[in-house]
Amino acid sequence: MTSKDFADRLRSRQTTLGYWVMMNAPAATERIALTGYDYVVLDGQHGLIDQRGLLDGLMAIDAAGNGTAGLVRVEANNATPIGRALDAGAAGVIVPLIDTAEDALRAVQAARYPPSGIRSYGPARSGLRIGPVPAEADAATVVLAMIETRQALENVAGICATPGLDGIYVGPSDLRLGIGGKYPGDPDVAETFDAAIELIARTAAAAGVAAGIHTNSGTEAAQRLAGGYTFATVSSDLDHLQAAAAAHLVAARG
């Protein structure tokens, strides 16, 4: 699957599944990509990955050779980190803290070459895979806006209607805090949170854009896909490493 194939699948709201990487461990990232996820996200915001780590991680995903798309959650809605992630070879970016349609448009423009956007021409590594023609690069690059605040929830219809935006991506931990939760898993706001999750999925469907969400497990990912989301990301390498090590320790101690 090429970057353009992935972009087409996501834009047409076909089901896709991904995995989240927080560690700067390219050999591990390559193995994760080999498992067959449709995409792997490198977390450049909260992950333990610098710019060189993003480059190495994207190369590791490509090295798997099975068409898994490499995405980057950039550190901020700013043209510099967005452009650097794409130049390093990302097939798309997940942009955090999008609160308004104006924020979403700024993210889209940062990821698109003129005349559609303001991305500086310097494809570096991405040009080796996608090609140096700006229009072709734009067609093969996805831009996803994170919905993770109360303001974003209030403006989700306008965000979804942003020209050039390929989809939205729910950050459930921050969203739960945004609607009044005392901590990410706070059950006191579960009903409000569930209503928000359903509203976001419906709004994206009405706008015809992809709707994605981060989940804690494959089971939860399946539930979200059944509930109207078109793509879902499963947990993270750091969480699974700790969980697997703990489980083996329990087994070894009997």
C-alpha atoms as a PDB file:
ATOM      1  CA  MET A   1       0.000   0.000   0.000  1.00  0.00           C
ATOM      2  CA  THR A   2       1.470   3.341  -1.056  1.00  0.00           C
ATOM      3  CA  SER A   3       1.012   6.622   0.796  1.00  0.00           C
ATOM      4  CA  LYS A   4      -1.563   7.600  -1.827  1.00  0.00           C
ATOM      5  CA  ASP A   5      -3.400   4.300  -1.299  1.00  0.00           C
ATOM      6  CA  PHE A   6      -3.501   4.942   2.448  1.00  0.00           C
ATOM      7  CA  ALA A   7      -4.710   8.505   1.935  1.00  0.00           C
ATOM      8  CA  ASP A   8      -7.452   7.312  -0.395  1.00  0.00           C
ATOM      9  CA  ARG A   9      -8.586   4.643   2.061  1.00  0.00           C
ATOM     10  CA  LEU A  10      -8.690   7.048   4.960  1.00  0.00           C
ATOM     11  CA  ARG A  11     -10.471   9.779   2.994  1.00  0.00           C
ATOM     12  CA  SER A  12     -13.102   7.329   1.760  1.00  0.00           C
ATOM     13  CA  ARG A  13     -13.774   6.364   5.390  1.00  0.00           C
ATOM     14  CA  GLN A  14     -12.626   2.777   4.962  1.00  0.00           C
ATOM     15  CA  THR A  15     -11.709   1.016   8.207  1.00  0.00           C
ATOM     16  CA  THR A  16      -8.053   1.319   9.181  1.00  0.00           C
ATOM     17  CA  LEU A  17      -6.214   0.259  12.324  1.00  0.00           C
ATOM     18  CA  GLY A  18      -3.054   1.716  13.747  1.00  0.00           C
ATOM     19  CA  TYR A  19      -0.555   1.524  16.566  1.00  0.00           C
ATOM     20  CA  TRP A  20       1.046   4.242  18.701  1.00  0.00           C
ATOM     21  CA  VAL A  21       4.798   4.537  19.256  1.00  0.00           C
ATOM     22  CA  MET A  22       6.275   6.626  22.061  1.00  0.00           C
ATOM     23  CA  MET A  23       9.789   5.196  22.315  1.00  0.00           C
ATOM     24  CA  ASN A  24      12.770   6.119  20.201  1.00  0.00           C
ATOM     25  CA  ALA A  25      13.505   2.484  19.335  1.00  0.00           C
ATOM     26  CA  PRO A  26      13.555   2.029  15.542  1.00  0.00           C
ATOM     27  CA  ALA A  27      14.208  -1.731  15.665  1.00  0.00           C
ATOM     28  CA  ALA A  28      11.106  -2.172  17.813  1.00  0.00           C
ATOM     29  CA  THR A  29       9.103   0.166  15.588  1.00  0.00           C
ATOM     30  CA  GLU A  30      10.061  -1.922  12.555  1.00  0.00           C
ATOM     31  CA  ARG A  31       8.744  -5.061  14.273  1.00  0.00           C
ATOM     32  CA  ILE A  32       5.501  -3.324  15.126  1.00  0.00           C
ATOM     33  CA  ALA A  33       5.084  -2.263  11.500  1.00  0.00           C
ATOM     34  CA  LEU A  34       5.685  -5.883  10.441  1.00  0.00           C
ATOM     35  CA  THR A  35       2.642  -7.034  12.414  1.00  0.00           C
ATOM     36  CA  GLY A  36       0.334  -5.648   9.763  1.00  0.00           C
ATOM     37  CA  TYR A  37      -1.200  -2.476  11.189  1.00  0.00           C
ATOM     38  CA  ASP A  38      -2.395  -0.108   8.468  1.00  0.00           C
ATOM     39  CA  TYR A  39      -0.485   2.761  10.037  1.00  0.00           C
ATOM     40  CA  VAL A  40       1.933   3.458  12.889  1.00  0.00           C
ATOM     41  CA  VAL A  41       1.989   6.827  14.637  1.00  0.00           C
ATOM     42  CA  LEU A  42       5.201   8.272  16.050  1.00  0.00           C
ATOM     43  CA  ASP A  43       4.382  10.608  18.930  1.00  0.00           C
ATOM     44  CA  GLY A  44       6.381  13.791  18.514  1.00  0.00           C
ATOM     45  CA  GLN A  45       4.374  15.640  21.175  1.00  0.00           C
ATOM     46  CA  HIS A  46       4.403  13.486  24.299  1.00  0.00           C
ATOM     47  CA  GLY A  47       6.610  10.644  23.086  1.00  0.00           C
ATOM     48  CA  LEU A  48      10.307  10.219  23.851  1.00  0.00           C
ATOM     49  CA  ILE A  49      11.259  10.973  20.254  1.00  0.00           C
ATOM     50  CA  ASP A  50      13.279  13.875  18.864  1.00  0.00           C
ATOM     51  CA  GLN A  51      13.565  14.925  15.206  1.00  0.00           C
ATOM     52  CA  ARG A  52      16.269  12.351  14.460  1.00  0.00           C
ATOM     53  CA  GLY A  53      14.119   9.750  16.183  1.00  0.00           C
ATOM     54  CA  LEU A  54      11.176  10.633  13.939  1.00  0.00           C
ATOM     55  CA  LEU A  55      13.377  10.172  10.884  1.00  0.00           C
ATOM     56  CA  ASP A  56      14.735   6.831  12.128  1.00  0.00           C
ATOM     57  CA  GLY A  57      11.259   5.648  13.106  1.00  0.00           C
ATOM     58  CA  LEU A  58       9.777   6.517   9.717  1.00  0.00           C
ATOM     59  CA  MET A  59      12.647   4.717   7.987  1.00  0.00           C
ATOM     60  CA  ALA A  60      12.022   1.687  10.210  1.00  0.00           C
ATOM     61  CA  ILE A  61       8.335   1.643   9.258  1.00  0.00           C
ATOM     62  CA  ASP A  62       9.279   1.783   5.566  1.00  0.00           C
ATOM     63  CA  ALA A  63      11.879  -0.932   6.101  1.00  0.00           C
ATOM     64  CA  ALA A  64       9.109  -3.321   7.106  1.00  0.00           C
ATOM     65  CA  GLY A  65       8.213  -3.264   3.426  1.00  0.00           C
ATOM     66  CA  ASN A  66       4.542  -4.126   3.807  1.00  0.00           C
ATOM     67  CA  GLY A  67       2.998  -0.759   3.057  1.00  0.00           C
ATOM     68  CA  THR A  68       2.283   0.324   6.630  1.00  0.00           C
ATOM     69  CA  ALA A  69       1.916   4.107   6.623  1.00  0.00           C
ATOM     70  CA  GLY A  70       4.033   6.151   9.011  1.00  0.00           C
ATOM     71  CA  LEU A  71       2.262   9.099  10.632  1.00  0.00           C
ATOM     72  CA  VAL A  72       3.549  11.677  13.110  1.00  0.00           C
ATOM     73  CA  ARG A  73       1.681  13.403  15.906  1.00  0.00           C
ATOM     74  CA  VAL A  74       3.522  16.720  15.722  1.00  0.00           C
ATOM     75  CA  GLU A  75       4.362  18.787  18.783  1.00  0.00           C
ATOM     76  CA  ALA A  76       2.226  21.796  17.867  1.00  0.00           C
ATOM     77  CA  ASN A  77       0.026  23.381  15.220  1.00  0.00           C
ATOM     78  CA  ASN A  78       2.956  25.143  13.633  1.00  0.00           C
ATOM     79  CA  ALA A  79       4.327  25.059  10.090  1.00  0.00           C
ATOM     80  CA  THR A  80       7.850  24.145  11.197  1.00  0.00           C
ATOM     81  CA  PRO A  81       7.223  20.819  12.985  1.00  0.00           C
ATOM     82  CA  ILE A  82       4.532  19.901  10.449  1.00  0.00           C
ATOM     83  CA  GLY A  83       6.886  20.538   7.537  1.00  0.00           C
ATOM     84  CA  ARG A  84       9.794  18.737   9.195  1.00  0.00           C
ATOM     85  CA  ALA A  85       7.672  15.642   9.868  1.00  0.00           C
ATOM     86  CA  LEU A  86       6.506  15.529   6.272  1.00  0.00           C
ATOM     87  CA  ASP A  87       9.992  16.182   4.902  1.00  0.00           C
ATOM     88  CA  ALA A  88      11.221  13.241   6.995  1.00  0.00           C
ATOM     89  CA  GLY A  89       8.799  10.990   5.133  1.00  0.00           C
ATOM     90  CA  ALA A  90       5.586  10.958   7.156  1.00  0.00           C
ATOM     91  CA  ALA A  91       2.509   9.990   5.172  1.00  0.00           C
ATOM     92  CA  GLY A  92       0.510  12.397   7.278  1.00  0.00           C
ATOM     93  CA  VAL A  93       0.331  14.404  10.471  1.00  0.00           C
ATOM     94  CA  ILE A  94      -1.935  14.396  13.497  1.00  0.00           C
ATOM     95  CA  VAL A  95      -2.069  17.968  14.782  1.00  0.00           C
ATOM     96  CA  PRO A  96      -2.845  18.548  18.483  1.00  0.00           C
ATOM     97  CA  LEU A  97      -4.983  21.162  20.209  1.00  0.00           C
ATOM     98  CA  ILE A  98      -7.198  22.138  17.295  1.00  0.00           C
ATOM     99  CA  ASP A  99      -9.926  24.237  18.906  1.00  0.00           C
ATOM    100  CA  THR A 100     -11.493  26.052  15.952  1.00  0.00           C
ATOM    101  CA  ALA A 101     -11.990  25.828  12.218  1.00  0.00           C
ATOM    102  CA  GLU A 102      -9.331  28.529  11.891  1.00  0.00           C
ATOM    103  CA  ASP A 103      -6.874  26.297  13.760  1.00  0.00           C
ATOM    104  CA  ALA A 104      -7.728  23.407  11.450  1.00  0.00           C
ATOM    105  CA  LEU A 105      -7.244  25.520   8.333  1.00  0.00           C
ATOM    106  CA  ARG A 106      -3.841  26.641   9.590  1.00  0.00           C
ATOM    107  CA  ALA A 107      -2.814  22.994  10.021  1.00  0.00           C
ATOM    108  CA  VAL A 108      -4.017  22.088   6.534  1.00  0.00           C
ATOM    109  CA  GLN A 109      -2.180  24.985   4.947  1.00  0.00           C
ATOM    110  CA  ALA A 110       1.048  24.085   6.759  1.00  0.00           C
ATOM    111  CA  ALA A 111       0.909  20.594   5.225  1.00  0.00           C
ATOM    112  CA  ARG A 112       0.072  21.659   1.655  1.00  0.00           C
ATOM    113  CA  TYR A 113       2.261  23.273  -0.975  1.00  0.00           C
ATOM    114  CA  PRO A 114       1.180  26.520  -2.699  1.00  0.00           C
ATOM    115  CA  PRO A 115      -1.295  27.425  -4.005  1.00  0.00           C
ATOM    116  CA  SER A 116      -3.260  25.249  -1.548  1.00  0.00           C
ATOM    117  CA  GLY A 117      -1.035  26.015   1.432  1.00  0.00           C
ATOM    118  CA  ILE A 118       2.202  27.476   2.713  1.00  0.00           C
ATOM    119  CA  ARG A 119       4.460  24.409   3.004  1.00  0.00           C
ATOM    120  CA  SER A 120       8.004  25.320   2.054  1.00  0.00           C
ATOM    121  CA  TYR A 121       9.343  23.240  -0.823  1.00  0.00           C
ATOM    122  CA  GLY A 122      12.036  20.931   0.486  1.00  0.00           C
ATOM    123  CA  PRO A 123      10.728  17.369   0.249  1.00  0.00           C
ATOM    124  CA  ALA A 124      14.032  15.820   1.408  1.00  0.00           C
ATOM    125  CA  ARG A 125      13.283  12.178   2.156  1.00  0.00           C
ATOM    126  CA  SER A 126       9.555  12.319   1.386  1.00  0.00           C
ATOM    127  CA  GLY A 127      10.410  13.085  -2.239  1.00  0.00           C
ATOM    128  CA  LEU A 128      12.012   9.672  -2.594  1.00  0.00           C
ATOM    129  CA  ARG A 129       8.714   7.892  -1.931  1.00  0.00           C
ATOM    130  CA  ILE A 130       5.952  10.273  -2.950  1.00  0.00           C
ATOM    131  CA  GLY A 131       7.689  12.223  -5.687  1.00  0.00           C
ATOM    132  CA  PRO A 132       8.818  15.821  -5.985  1.00  0.00           C
ATOM    133  CA  VAL A 133       5.657  17.202  -7.649  1.00  0.00           C
ATOM    134  CA  PRO A 134       3.833  19.337  -5.048  1.00  0.00           C
ATOM    135  CA  ALA A 135       0.313  18.414  -6.204  1.00  0.00           C
ATOM    136  CA  GLU A 136       1.162  14.710  -6.016  1.00  0.00           C
ATOM    137  CA  ALA A 137       2.643  15.123  -2.541  1.00  0.00           C
ATOM    138  CA  ASP A 138      -0.478  16.957  -1.383  1.00  0.00           C
ATOM    139  CA  ALA A 139      -2.695  14.174  -2.731  1.00  0.00           C
ATOM    140  CA  ALA A 140      -0.723  11.550  -0.814  1.00  0.00           C
ATOM    141  CA  THR A 141      -0.505  13.426   2.510  1.00  0.00           C
ATOM    142  CA  VAL A 142      -3.211  13.281   5.171  1.00  0.00           C
ATOM    143  CA  VAL A 143      -3.928  15.955   7.762  1.00  0.00           C
ATOM    144  CA  LEU A 144      -5.830  15.002  10.902  1.00  0.00           C
ATOM    145  CA  ALA A 145      -7.027  17.455  13.548  1.00  0.00           C
ATOM    146  CA  MET A 146      -7.153  16.384  17.178  1.00  0.00           C
ATOM    147  CA  ILE A 147     -10.411  16.921  19.048  1.00  0.00           C
ATOM    148  CA  GLU A 148      -9.373  17.010  22.696  1.00  0.00           C
ATOM    149  CA  THR A 149     -10.793  20.109  24.383  1.00  0.00           C
ATOM    150  CA  ARG A 150     -14.193  21.464  25.324  1.00  0.00           C
ATOM    151  CA  GLN A 151     -13.779  24.248  22.763  1.00  0.00           C
ATOM    152  CA  ALA A 152     -12.976  21.724  20.028  1.00  0.00           C
ATOM    153  CA  LEU A 153     -16.064  19.743  20.962  1.00  0.00           C
ATOM    154  CA  GLU A 154     -18.198  22.858  20.680  1.00  0.00           C
ATOM    155  CA  ASN A 155     -16.659  23.666  17.294  1.00  0.00           C
ATOM    156  CA  VAL A 156     -16.416  20.141  15.900  1.00  0.00           C
ATOM    157  CA  ALA A 157     -18.852  20.780  13.033  1.00  0.00           C
ATOM    158  CA  GLY A 158     -16.843  23.741  11.802  1.00  0.00           C
ATOM    159  CA  ILE A 159     -13.586  21.846  12.192  1.00  0.00           C
ATOM    160  CA  CYS A 160     -14.915  18.900  10.183  1.00  0.00           C
ATOM    161  CA  ALA A 161     -16.033  21.286   7.439  1.00  0.00           C
ATOM    162  CA  THR A 162     -12.544  22.752   6.992  1.00  0.00           C
ATOM    163  CA  PRO A 163     -11.506  22.537   3.325  1.00  0.00           C
ATOM    164  CA  GLY A 164      -8.649  20.096   2.821  1.00  0.00           C
ATOM    165  CA  LEU A 165      -8.920  18.449   6.230  1.00  0.00           C
ATOM    166  CA  ASP A 166      -8.905  14.672   5.851  1.00  0.00           C
ATOM    167  CA  GLY A 167     -10.205  13.706   9.258  1.00  0.00           C
ATOM    168  CA  ILE A 168     -10.359  14.232  12.980  1.00  0.00           C
ATOM    169  CA  TYR A 169      -8.724  12.285  15.780  1.00  0.00           C
ATOM    170  CA  VAL A 170     -10.064  12.110  19.321  1.00  0.00           C
ATOM    171  CA  GLY A 171      -7.615  12.399  22.205  1.00  0.00           C
ATOM    172  CA  PRO A 172      -9.778  10.757  24.886  1.00  0.00           C
ATOM    173  CA  SER A 173      -7.649  11.591  27.927  1.00  0.00           C
ATOM    174  CA  ASP A 174      -7.576  15.331  27.318  1.00  0.00           C
ATOM    175  CA  LEU A 175     -11.169  15.357  26.113  1.00  0.00           C
ATOM    176  CA  ARG A 176     -12.352  13.739  29.326  1.00  0.00           C
ATOM    177  CA  LEU A 177     -10.461  16.369  31.316  1.00  0.00           C
ATOM    178  CA  GLY A 178     -11.910  19.052  29.072  1.00  0.00           C
ATOM    179  CA  ILE A 179     -15.478  18.086  29.886  1.00  0.00           C
ATOM    180  CA  GLY A 180     -14.817  18.170  33.627  1.00  0.00           C
ATOM    181  CA  GLY A 181     -13.132  14.884  34.494  1.00  0.00           C
ATOM    182  CA  LYS A 182     -10.757  14.981  37.445  1.00  0.00           C
ATOM    183  CA  TYR A 183      -8.444  12.503  35.704  1.00  0.00           C
ATOM    184  CA  PRO A 184      -8.455  10.724  32.303  1.00  0.00           C
ATOM    185  CA  GLY A 185     -10.473   7.688  33.430  1.00  0.00           C
ATOM    186  CA  ASP A 186     -12.839   9.555  35.729  1.00  0.00           C
ATOM    187  CA  PRO A 187     -16.129   7.575  35.765  1.00  0.00           C
ATOM    188  CA  ASP A 188     -18.076  10.571  37.062  1.00  0.00           C
ATOM    189  CA  VAL A 189     -18.153  12.068  33.557  1.00  0.00           C
ATOM    190  CA  ALA A 190     -18.587   8.776  31.683  1.00  0.00           C
ATOM    191  CA  GLU A 191     -22.077   9.601  30.426  1.00  0.00           C
ATOM    192  CA  THR A 192     -21.052  13.032  29.173  1.00  0.00           C
ATOM    193  CA  PHE A 193     -17.914  11.579  27.616  1.00  0.00           C
ATOM    194  CA  ASP A 194     -19.798   8.825  25.796  1.00  0.00           C
ATOM    195  CA  ALA A 195     -22.250  11.393  24.416  1.00  0.00           C
ATOM    196  CA  ALA A 196     -19.330  13.503  23.186  1.00  0.00           C
ATOM    197  CA  ILE A 197     -17.704  10.506  21.488  1.00  0.00           C
ATOM    198  CA  GLU A 198     -20.960   9.698  19.698  1.00  0.00           C
ATOM    199  CA  LEU A 199     -21.482  13.326  18.662  1.00  0.00           C
ATOM    200  CA  ILE A 200     -17.998  13.546  17.182  1.00  0.00           C
ATOM    201  CA  ALA A 201     -18.474  10.366  15.135  1.00  0.00           C
ATOM    202  CA  ARG A 202     -21.852  11.551  13.815  1.00  0.00           C
ATOM    203  CA  THR A 203     -20.494  14.974  12.924  1.00  0.00           C
ATOM    204  CA  ALA A 204     -17.557  13.535  10.997  1.00  0.00           C
ATOM    205  CA  ALA A 205     -19.875  11.174   9.116  1.00  0.00           C
ATOM    206  CA  ALA A 206     -22.167  14.044   8.163  1.00  0.00           C
ATOM    207  CA  ALA A 207     -19.169  16.009   6.871  1.00  0.00           C
ATOM    208  CA  GLY A 208     -17.779  12.987   5.024  1.00  0.00           C
ATOM    209  CA  VAL A 209     -14.400  13.047   6.743  1.00  0.00           C
ATOM    210  CA  ALA A 210     -12.569  10.257   8.556  1.00  0.00           C
ATOM    211  CA  ALA A 211     -13.180   9.863  12.281  1.00  0.00           C
ATOM    212  CA  GLY A 212     -10.388   8.412  14.396  1.00  0.00           C
ATOM    213  CA  ILE A 213      -9.810   7.797  18.069  1.00  0.00           C
ATOM    214  CA  HIS A 214      -7.091   6.556  20.394  1.00  0.00           C
ATOM    215  CA  THR A 215      -7.976   3.431  22.379  1.00  0.00           C
ATOM    216  CA  ASN A 216      -6.443   1.400  25.188  1.00  0.00           C
ATOM    217  CA  SER A 217      -6.872  -2.032  23.597  1.00  0.00           C
ATOM    218  CA  GLY A 218      -7.836  -3.928  20.488  1.00  0.00           C
ATOM    219  CA  THR A 219     -11.164  -4.726  22.117  1.00  0.00           C
ATOM    220  CA  GLU A 220     -11.926  -1.057  22.649  1.00  0.00           C
ATOM    221  CA  ALA A 221     -10.762  -0.268  19.106  1.00  0.00           C
ATOM    222  CA  ALA A 222     -13.279  -2.773  17.734  1.00  0.00           C
ATOM    223  CA  GLN A 223     -16.014  -1.173  19.827  1.00  0.00           C
ATOM    224  CA  ARG A 224     -15.213   2.306  18.552  1.00  0.00           C
ATOM    225  CA  LEU A 225     -15.166   1.117  14.956  1.00  0.00           C
ATOM    226  CA  ALA A 226     -18.542  -0.523  15.485  1.00  0.00           C
ATOM    227  CA  GLY A 227     -19.774   2.766  16.967  1.00  0.00           C
ATOM    228  CA  GLY A 228     -19.097   4.888  13.910  1.00  0.00           C
ATOM    229  CA  TYR A 229     -15.376   5.589  13.929  1.00  0.00           C
ATOM    230  CA  THR A 230     -13.499   4.782  10.740  1.00  0.00           C
ATOM    231  CA  PHE A 231     -10.001   4.398  12.158  1.00  0.00           C
ATOM    232  CA  ALA A 232      -8.628   3.590  15.580  1.00  0.00           C
ATOM    233  CA  THR A 233      -5.199   3.420  17.177  1.00  0.00           C
ATOM    234  CA  VAL A 234      -4.336   0.740  19.717  1.00  0.00           C
ATOM    235  CA  SER A 235      -2.534   1.669  22.947  1.00  0.00           C
ATOM    236  CA  SER A 236       1.242   2.211  22.709  1.00  0.00           C
ATOM    237  CA  ASP A 237       4.579   0.429  22.736  1.00  0.00           C
ATOM    238  CA  LEU A 238       5.489   1.814  26.172  1.00  0.00           C
ATOM    239  CA  ASP A 239       2.244   0.641  27.789  1.00  0.00           C
ATOM    240  CA  HIS A 240       2.442  -2.795  26.206  1.00  0.00           C
ATOM    241  CA  LEU A 241       6.088  -3.256  27.161  1.00  0.00           C
ATOM    242  CA  GLN A 242       5.269  -2.611  30.812  1.00  0.00           C
ATOM    243  CA  ALA A 243       2.140  -4.787  30.731  1.00  0.00           C
ATOM    244  CA  ALA A 244       3.925  -7.716  29.085  1.00  0.00           C
ATOM    245  CA  ALA A 245       6.871  -7.541  31.477  1.00  0.00           C
ATOM    246  CA  ALA A 246       4.533  -7.399  34.495  1.00  0.00           C
ATOM    247  CA  ALA A 247       2.474 -10.345  33.259  1.00  0.00           C
ATOM    248  CA  HIS A 248       5.555 -12.510  32.792  1.00  0.00           C
ATOM    249  CA  LEU A 249       6.800 -11.564  36.254  1.00  0.00           C
ATOM    250  CA  VAL A 250       3.501 -12.662  37.803  1.00  0.00           C
ATOM    251  CA  ALA A 251       3.621 -15.939  35.862  1.00  0.00           C
ATOM    252  CA  ALA A 252       7.215 -16.608  36.859  1.00  0.00           C
ATOM    253  CA  ARG A 253       6.484 -16.057  40.532  1.00  0.00           C
ATOM    254  CA  GLY A 254       3.493 -18.379  40.349  1.00  0.00           C
END
